[in-house]
Amino acid sequence: MAASPKIAGGNIQITVTSVRNGNVKFQHVQVHYEPNTIYGHADFTANLSKAQQTTLRQLYDGCNPRPRRDLLRGGADRLQVGAMEFQCSPEELLSGLIETIYAMRNALLHGEVDPDPRVLSCYEPAYRIVMLFLGCVR
């Protein structure tokens, strides 16, 4: 398997080609970095093995223009929130919180997790945070 994520003309083009026979197993073009669009694409799951999916995820995640950062051990000023201590700015913490809740939403809506009671127990606090946030911006 050869995967080639590349940026051409502002677009992200992903092509996965079989090295054995040259057949294209997956091809997709994006304007912006959107991992859930790739991982939720029908051809991603239908045409690629689990190992190939993992390899493509690693390559694609490596192209992330906003890579993840450890907010607990980031080396920045200490920020005490309840019983937790973070090493980041308040803006970075808010950004990380929003990205995490959005990723949780996408995982549930795209069927990446089964909505059993244990999984859903994580969503109630996330819902409360979103509602509190929305109440502040109204």
N, C-alpha and C. Protein backbone atom coordinates (compact mmCIF):
# COMPACT_ATOMS: atom_id res chain seq x y z
N MET A 1 0.85 -1.17 0.00
CA MET A 1 0.00 0.00 0.00
C MET A 1 0.89 1.23 0.00
N ALA A 2 0.59 2.16 -0.86
CA ALA A 2 1.29 3.45 -0.88
C ALA A 2 0.24 4.53 -0.71
N ALA A 3 0.42 5.37 0.27
CA ALA A 3 -0.52 6.46 0.51
C ALA A 3 0.19 7.78 0.28
N SER A 4 -0.48 8.69 -0.37
CA SER A 4 0.17 9.96 -0.64
C SER A 4 -0.74 11.14 -0.33
N PRO A 5 -0.78 11.57 0.96
CA PRO A 5 -1.48 12.81 1.23
C PRO A 5 -0.60 13.97 0.79
N LYS A 6 -1.12 14.86 0.01
CA LYS A 6 -0.32 16.00 -0.44
C LYS A 6 -1.21 17.21 -0.62
N ILE A 7 -0.62 18.34 -0.50
CA ILE A 7 -1.36 19.59 -0.68
C ILE A 7 -1.00 20.13 -2.05
N ALA A 8 -2.01 20.32 -2.89
CA ALA A 8 -1.80 20.85 -4.23
C ALA A 8 -2.88 21.88 -4.51
N GLY A 9 -2.49 23.09 -4.78
CA GLY A 9 -3.47 24.13 -5.08
C GLY A 9 -4.39 24.42 -3.92
N GLY A 10 -3.92 24.20 -2.68
CA GLY A 10 -4.73 24.47 -1.51
C GLY A 10 -5.61 23.30 -1.11
N ASN A 11 -5.71 22.27 -1.93
CA ASN A 11 -6.52 21.10 -1.59
C ASN A 11 -5.65 20.00 -1.01
N ILE A 12 -6.27 19.14 -0.24
CA ILE A 12 -5.60 17.95 0.28
C ILE A 12 -6.08 16.78 -0.55
N GLN A 13 -5.17 16.11 -1.21
CA GLN A 13 -5.51 14.97 -2.07
C GLN A 13 -4.92 13.72 -1.44
N ILE A 14 -5.78 12.72 -1.25
CA ILE A 14 -5.35 11.45 -0.67
C ILE A 14 -5.63 10.35 -1.68
N THR A 15 -4.59 9.60 -2.00
CA THR A 15 -4.73 8.47 -2.92
C THR A 15 -4.01 7.28 -2.31
N VAL A 16 -4.71 6.17 -2.18
CA VAL A 16 -4.10 4.93 -1.71
C VAL A 16 -4.11 3.97 -2.89
N THR A 17 -2.91 3.56 -3.30
CA THR A 17 -2.75 2.71 -4.47
C THR A 17 -2.08 1.41 -4.07
N SER A 18 -2.57 0.30 -4.60
CA SER A 18 -1.97 -1.01 -4.36
C SER A 18 -0.61 -1.07 -5.06
N VAL A 19 0.44 -1.44 -4.31
CA VAL A 19 1.76 -1.56 -4.93
C VAL A 19 1.85 -2.85 -5.76
N ARG A 20 0.96 -3.79 -5.51
CA ARG A 20 0.97 -5.05 -6.27
C ARG A 20 0.46 -4.88 -7.69
N ASN A 21 -0.70 -4.23 -7.82
CA ASN A 21 -1.32 -4.16 -9.15
C ASN A 21 -1.61 -2.73 -9.64
N GLY A 22 -1.30 -1.73 -8.83
CA GLY A 22 -1.50 -0.35 -9.25
C GLY A 22 -2.93 0.16 -9.15
N ASN A 23 -3.85 -0.67 -8.64
CA ASN A 23 -5.25 -0.25 -8.50
C ASN A 23 -5.38 0.79 -7.39
N VAL A 24 -6.20 1.79 -7.64
CA VAL A 24 -6.49 2.81 -6.63
C VAL A 24 -7.55 2.24 -5.69
N LYS A 25 -7.19 2.12 -4.40
CA LYS A 25 -8.11 1.56 -3.41
C LYS A 25 -8.93 2.64 -2.70
N PHE A 26 -8.37 3.84 -2.64
CA PHE A 26 -9.07 4.94 -1.98
C PHE A 26 -8.55 6.25 -2.55
N GLN A 27 -9.49 7.16 -2.85
CA GLN A 27 -9.10 8.47 -3.35
C GLN A 27 -10.10 9.50 -2.87
N HIS A 28 -9.58 10.62 -2.38
CA HIS A 28 -10.45 11.67 -1.85
C HIS A 28 -9.70 13.00 -1.89
N VAL A 29 -10.42 14.08 -2.19
CA VAL A 29 -9.85 15.42 -2.21
C VAL A 29 -10.64 16.29 -1.24
N GLN A 30 -9.92 17.06 -0.42
CA GLN A 30 -10.55 17.95 0.55
C GLN A 30 -9.99 19.36 0.40
N VAL A 31 -10.80 20.33 0.75
CA VAL A 31 -10.34 21.72 0.78
C VAL A 31 -9.64 21.99 2.11
N HIS A 32 -10.16 21.40 3.20
CA HIS A 32 -9.62 21.62 4.54
C HIS A 32 -9.32 20.27 5.18
N TYR A 33 -8.47 20.28 6.18
CA TYR A 33 -8.14 19.09 6.96
C TYR A 33 -9.38 18.69 7.77
N GLU A 34 -9.99 17.56 7.41
CA GLU A 34 -11.20 17.07 8.07
C GLU A 34 -11.10 15.56 8.24
N PRO A 35 -10.49 15.09 9.33
CA PRO A 35 -10.29 13.65 9.50
C PRO A 35 -11.57 12.83 9.53
N ASN A 36 -12.64 13.35 10.13
CA ASN A 36 -13.87 12.56 10.22
C ASN A 36 -14.49 12.30 8.86
N THR A 37 -14.27 13.20 7.91
CA THR A 37 -14.77 12.98 6.55
C THR A 37 -14.04 11.81 5.92
N ILE A 38 -12.75 11.72 6.15
CA ILE A 38 -11.95 10.61 5.60
C ILE A 38 -12.34 9.30 6.27
N TYR A 39 -12.32 9.29 7.61
CA TYR A 39 -12.55 8.05 8.35
C TYR A 39 -13.99 7.57 8.25
N GLY A 40 -14.91 8.46 7.92
CA GLY A 40 -16.31 8.08 7.74
C GLY A 40 -16.68 7.79 6.30
N HIS A 41 -15.74 7.95 5.39
CA HIS A 41 -15.99 7.72 3.95
C HIS A 41 -16.25 6.23 3.72
N ALA A 42 -17.25 5.92 2.92
CA ALA A 42 -17.62 4.52 2.66
C ALA A 42 -16.46 3.71 2.10
N ASP A 43 -15.67 4.28 1.19
CA ASP A 43 -14.55 3.56 0.59
C ASP A 43 -13.42 3.31 1.60
N PHE A 44 -13.32 4.15 2.61
CA PHE A 44 -12.28 3.98 3.64
C PHE A 44 -12.46 2.64 4.34
N THR A 45 -13.70 2.32 4.72
CA THR A 45 -13.95 1.07 5.43
C THR A 45 -14.15 -0.10 4.48
N ALA A 46 -14.71 0.16 3.30
CA ALA A 46 -15.01 -0.93 2.37
C ALA A 46 -13.78 -1.42 1.60
N ASN A 47 -12.88 -0.52 1.24
CA ASN A 47 -11.78 -0.90 0.34
C ASN A 47 -10.44 -1.07 1.03
N LEU A 48 -10.32 -0.65 2.29
CA LEU A 48 -9.04 -0.74 2.98
C LEU A 48 -9.11 -1.72 4.14
N SER A 49 -8.06 -2.51 4.30
CA SER A 49 -7.99 -3.43 5.44
C SER A 49 -7.79 -2.61 6.72
N LYS A 50 -7.95 -3.24 7.87
CA LYS A 50 -7.76 -2.54 9.15
C LYS A 50 -6.33 -1.99 9.23
N ALA A 51 -5.35 -2.77 8.79
CA ALA A 51 -3.95 -2.31 8.82
C ALA A 51 -3.76 -1.10 7.91
N GLN A 52 -4.38 -1.13 6.74
CA GLN A 52 -4.27 0.00 5.81
C GLN A 52 -4.98 1.24 6.37
N GLN A 53 -6.13 1.03 7.02
CA GLN A 53 -6.83 2.14 7.65
C GLN A 53 -5.96 2.79 8.73
N THR A 54 -5.30 1.94 9.53
CA THR A 54 -4.42 2.45 10.59
C THR A 54 -3.27 3.25 10.00
N THR A 55 -2.65 2.72 8.94
CA THR A 55 -1.54 3.42 8.30
C THR A 55 -1.99 4.76 7.73
N LEU A 56 -3.13 4.78 7.06
CA LEU A 56 -3.63 6.03 6.49
C LEU A 56 -3.98 7.03 7.59
N ARG A 57 -4.56 6.54 8.69
CA ARG A 57 -4.87 7.43 9.82
C ARG A 57 -3.58 8.07 10.35
N GLN A 58 -2.53 7.27 10.51
CA GLN A 58 -1.27 7.80 11.02
C GLN A 58 -0.68 8.84 10.08
N LEU A 59 -0.70 8.56 8.79
CA LEU A 59 -0.18 9.51 7.80
C LEU A 59 -1.01 10.79 7.79
N TYR A 60 -2.32 10.62 7.76
CA TYR A 60 -3.21 11.78 7.68
C TYR A 60 -3.14 12.62 8.95
N ASP A 61 -3.14 11.95 10.12
CA ASP A 61 -3.05 12.68 11.38
C ASP A 61 -1.73 13.45 11.48
N GLY A 62 -0.69 12.93 10.84
CA GLY A 62 0.60 13.62 10.81
C GLY A 62 0.55 14.92 10.02
N CYS A 63 -0.46 15.08 9.18
CA CYS A 63 -0.63 16.31 8.38
C CYS A 63 -1.48 17.35 9.10
N ASN A 64 -1.91 17.05 10.30
CA ASN A 64 -2.81 17.92 11.04
C ASN A 64 -2.20 19.31 11.21
N PRO A 65 -2.87 20.35 10.70
CA PRO A 65 -2.33 21.70 10.86
C PRO A 65 -2.47 22.22 12.29
N ARG A 66 -3.29 21.56 13.10
CA ARG A 66 -3.44 21.91 14.52
C ARG A 66 -3.20 20.66 15.35
N PRO A 67 -1.94 20.28 15.52
CA PRO A 67 -1.65 19.04 16.25
C PRO A 67 -2.08 19.12 17.72
N ARG A 68 -2.31 17.95 18.28
CA ARG A 68 -2.72 17.90 19.69
C ARG A 68 -1.55 18.27 20.58
N ARG A 69 -1.91 18.79 21.73
CA ARG A 69 -0.91 19.24 22.69
C ARG A 69 -1.33 18.76 24.06
N ASP A 70 -0.37 18.37 24.89
CA ASP A 70 -0.64 17.93 26.25
C ASP A 70 -0.91 19.15 27.12
N LEU A 71 -2.14 19.30 27.57
CA LEU A 71 -2.52 20.46 28.38
C LEU A 71 -2.20 20.26 29.86
N LEU A 72 -1.87 19.02 30.24
CA LEU A 72 -1.53 18.74 31.63
C LEU A 72 -0.05 18.95 31.90
N ARG A 73 0.79 18.69 30.90
CA ARG A 73 2.24 18.80 31.06
C ARG A 73 2.84 19.64 29.93
N GLY A 74 2.19 20.74 29.61
CA GLY A 74 2.61 21.54 28.48
C GLY A 74 3.78 22.46 28.76
N GLY A 75 4.17 22.60 30.03
CA GLY A 75 5.30 23.44 30.36
C GLY A 75 4.95 24.92 30.50
N ALA A 76 3.70 25.28 30.31
CA ALA A 76 3.29 26.69 30.43
C ALA A 76 2.94 26.99 31.89
N ASP A 77 2.42 28.18 32.13
CA ASP A 77 1.99 28.56 33.48
C ASP A 77 0.93 27.60 33.98
N ARG A 78 0.92 27.42 35.30
CA ARG A 78 -0.05 26.51 35.90
C ARG A 78 -1.42 27.18 35.97
N LEU A 79 -2.44 26.36 35.68
CA LEU A 79 -3.82 26.84 35.69
C LEU A 79 -4.63 25.84 36.52
N GLN A 80 -5.12 26.26 37.68
CA GLN A 80 -5.88 25.39 38.57
C GLN A 80 -7.36 25.50 38.24
N VAL A 81 -7.99 24.37 37.90
CA VAL A 81 -9.42 24.33 37.60
C VAL A 81 -10.00 23.20 38.44
N GLY A 82 -10.69 23.57 39.52
CA GLY A 82 -11.20 22.56 40.43
C GLY A 82 -10.04 21.78 41.03
N ALA A 83 -10.13 20.45 40.95
CA ALA A 83 -9.07 19.60 41.48
C ALA A 83 -7.96 19.34 40.46
N MET A 84 -8.14 19.82 39.24
CA MET A 84 -7.17 19.57 38.17
C MET A 84 -6.22 20.75 38.01
N GLU A 85 -4.96 20.41 37.71
CA GLU A 85 -3.98 21.45 37.40
C GLU A 85 -3.54 21.27 35.95
N PHE A 86 -3.67 22.31 35.17
CA PHE A 86 -3.27 22.31 33.77
C PHE A 86 -2.05 23.19 33.60
N GLN A 87 -1.28 22.92 32.56
CA GLN A 87 -0.13 23.75 32.22
C GLN A 87 -0.37 24.31 30.82
N CYS A 88 -1.27 25.28 30.75
CA CYS A 88 -1.64 25.89 29.48
C CYS A 88 -2.37 27.19 29.78
N SER A 89 -2.62 27.94 28.75
CA SER A 89 -3.38 29.19 28.92
C SER A 89 -4.87 28.87 28.98
N PRO A 90 -5.68 29.76 29.53
CA PRO A 90 -7.13 29.53 29.51
C PRO A 90 -7.68 29.35 28.10
N GLU A 91 -7.11 30.06 27.13
CA GLU A 91 -7.56 29.94 25.73
C GLU A 91 -7.27 28.54 25.18
N GLU A 92 -6.09 28.01 25.51
CA GLU A 92 -5.74 26.66 25.04
C GLU A 92 -6.64 25.61 25.69
N LEU A 93 -6.96 25.81 26.97
CA LEU A 93 -7.85 24.87 27.66
C LEU A 93 -9.24 24.90 27.05
N LEU A 94 -9.78 26.08 26.78
CA LEU A 94 -11.10 26.19 26.16
C LEU A 94 -11.09 25.56 24.77
N SER A 95 -10.05 25.83 24.00
CA SER A 95 -9.94 25.24 22.66
C SER A 95 -9.90 23.72 22.74
N GLY A 96 -9.11 23.19 23.67
CA GLY A 96 -9.02 21.73 23.84
C GLY A 96 -10.34 21.12 24.27
N LEU A 97 -11.06 21.81 25.15
CA LEU A 97 -12.37 21.33 25.60
C LEU A 97 -13.35 21.28 24.45
N ILE A 98 -13.39 22.34 23.66
CA ILE A 98 -14.31 22.38 22.52
C ILE A 98 -13.97 21.30 21.51
N GLU A 99 -12.68 21.12 21.21
CA GLU A 99 -12.28 20.09 20.25
C GLU A 99 -12.63 18.69 20.75
N THR A 100 -12.44 18.46 22.07
CA THR A 100 -12.75 17.15 22.64
C THR A 100 -14.25 16.86 22.56
N ILE A 101 -15.07 17.82 22.94
CA ILE A 101 -16.52 17.62 22.90
C ILE A 101 -16.99 17.43 21.46
N TYR A 102 -16.42 18.18 20.53
CA TYR A 102 -16.78 18.03 19.12
C TYR A 102 -16.38 16.65 18.60
N ALA A 103 -15.21 16.16 19.00
CA ALA A 103 -14.78 14.82 18.59
C ALA A 103 -15.70 13.75 19.18
N MET A 104 -16.15 13.95 20.43
CA MET A 104 -17.09 13.01 21.04
C MET A 104 -18.40 12.99 20.25
N ARG A 105 -18.88 14.16 19.89
CA ARG A 105 -20.12 14.27 19.11
C ARG A 105 -19.98 13.54 17.79
N ASN A 106 -18.87 13.78 17.10
CA ASN A 106 -18.65 13.13 15.80
C ASN A 106 -18.56 11.62 15.94
N ALA A 107 -17.88 11.14 16.96
CA ALA A 107 -17.74 9.70 17.16
C ALA A 107 -19.11 9.05 17.36
N LEU A 108 -19.97 9.71 18.11
CA LEU A 108 -21.31 9.17 18.35
C LEU A 108 -22.17 9.23 17.09
N LEU A 109 -22.17 10.37 16.42
CA LEU A 109 -23.02 10.55 15.24
C LEU A 109 -22.57 9.72 14.04
N HIS A 110 -21.27 9.47 13.94
CA HIS A 110 -20.75 8.69 12.81
C HIS A 110 -20.69 7.19 13.11
N GLY A 111 -21.22 6.79 14.26
CA GLY A 111 -21.30 5.37 14.57
C GLY A 111 -19.97 4.74 14.95
N GLU A 112 -19.00 5.55 15.37
CA GLU A 112 -17.70 5.01 15.75
C GLU A 112 -17.72 4.41 17.15
N VAL A 113 -18.72 4.76 17.94
CA VAL A 113 -18.90 4.17 19.27
C VAL A 113 -20.34 3.68 19.38
N ASP A 114 -20.52 2.61 20.14
CA ASP A 114 -21.86 2.10 20.40
C ASP A 114 -22.45 2.88 21.58
N PRO A 115 -23.66 3.40 21.43
CA PRO A 115 -24.24 4.21 22.50
C PRO A 115 -24.77 3.37 23.66
N ASP A 116 -23.88 2.64 24.32
CA ASP A 116 -24.31 1.86 25.49
C ASP A 116 -24.26 2.78 26.72
N PRO A 117 -24.84 2.35 27.84
CA PRO A 117 -24.92 3.22 29.03
C PRO A 117 -23.55 3.70 29.53
N ARG A 118 -22.53 2.86 29.43
CA ARG A 118 -21.20 3.26 29.89
C ARG A 118 -20.64 4.40 29.04
N VAL A 119 -20.79 4.28 27.72
CA VAL A 119 -20.31 5.33 26.81
C VAL A 119 -21.13 6.60 27.00
N LEU A 120 -22.44 6.45 27.09
CA LEU A 120 -23.31 7.62 27.22
C LEU A 120 -23.08 8.38 28.53
N SER A 121 -22.55 7.70 29.55
CA SER A 121 -22.28 8.39 30.81
C SER A 121 -21.23 9.48 30.64
N CYS A 122 -20.39 9.38 29.63
CA CYS A 122 -19.40 10.43 29.33
C CYS A 122 -20.05 11.64 28.67
N TYR A 123 -21.17 11.41 28.04
CA TYR A 123 -21.80 12.48 27.27
C TYR A 123 -22.63 13.43 28.13
N GLU A 124 -23.12 12.98 29.28
CA GLU A 124 -23.90 13.88 30.13
C GLU A 124 -23.06 15.06 30.62
N PRO A 125 -21.85 14.84 31.18
CA PRO A 125 -21.04 16.00 31.56
C PRO A 125 -20.69 16.89 30.37
N ALA A 126 -20.43 16.29 29.22
CA ALA A 126 -20.12 17.08 28.02
C ALA A 126 -21.32 17.95 27.64
N TYR A 127 -22.50 17.38 27.73
CA TYR A 127 -23.73 18.14 27.43
C TYR A 127 -23.87 19.32 28.38
N ARG A 128 -23.63 19.08 29.67
CA ARG A 128 -23.75 20.16 30.66
C ARG A 128 -22.74 21.28 30.38
N ILE A 129 -21.52 20.90 29.99
CA ILE A 129 -20.50 21.90 29.66
C ILE A 129 -20.94 22.73 28.46
N VAL A 130 -21.45 22.07 27.43
CA VAL A 130 -21.91 22.78 26.23
C VAL A 130 -23.05 23.73 26.58
N MET A 131 -24.00 23.27 27.38
CA MET A 131 -25.13 24.13 27.74
C MET A 131 -24.67 25.33 28.57
N LEU A 132 -23.72 25.12 29.48
CA LEU A 132 -23.18 26.23 30.25
C LEU A 132 -22.46 27.22 29.34
N PHE A 133 -21.69 26.70 28.40
CA PHE A 133 -20.98 27.53 27.44
C PHE A 133 -21.97 28.34 26.59
N LEU A 134 -23.01 27.69 26.10
CA LEU A 134 -24.00 28.39 25.28
C LEU A 134 -24.73 29.46 26.09
N GLY A 135 -24.97 29.18 27.37
CA GLY A 135 -25.60 30.18 28.22
C GLY A 135 -24.73 31.42 28.40
N CYS A 136 -23.42 31.25 28.35
CA CYS A 136 -22.50 32.39 28.50
C CYS A 136 -22.40 33.23 27.24
N VAL A 137 -22.62 32.63 26.09
CA VAL A 137 -22.44 33.38 24.84
C VAL A 137 -23.74 33.96 24.31
N ARG A 138 -24.85 33.66 24.94
CA ARG A 138 -26.14 34.19 24.48
C ARG A 138 -26.28 35.64 24.80
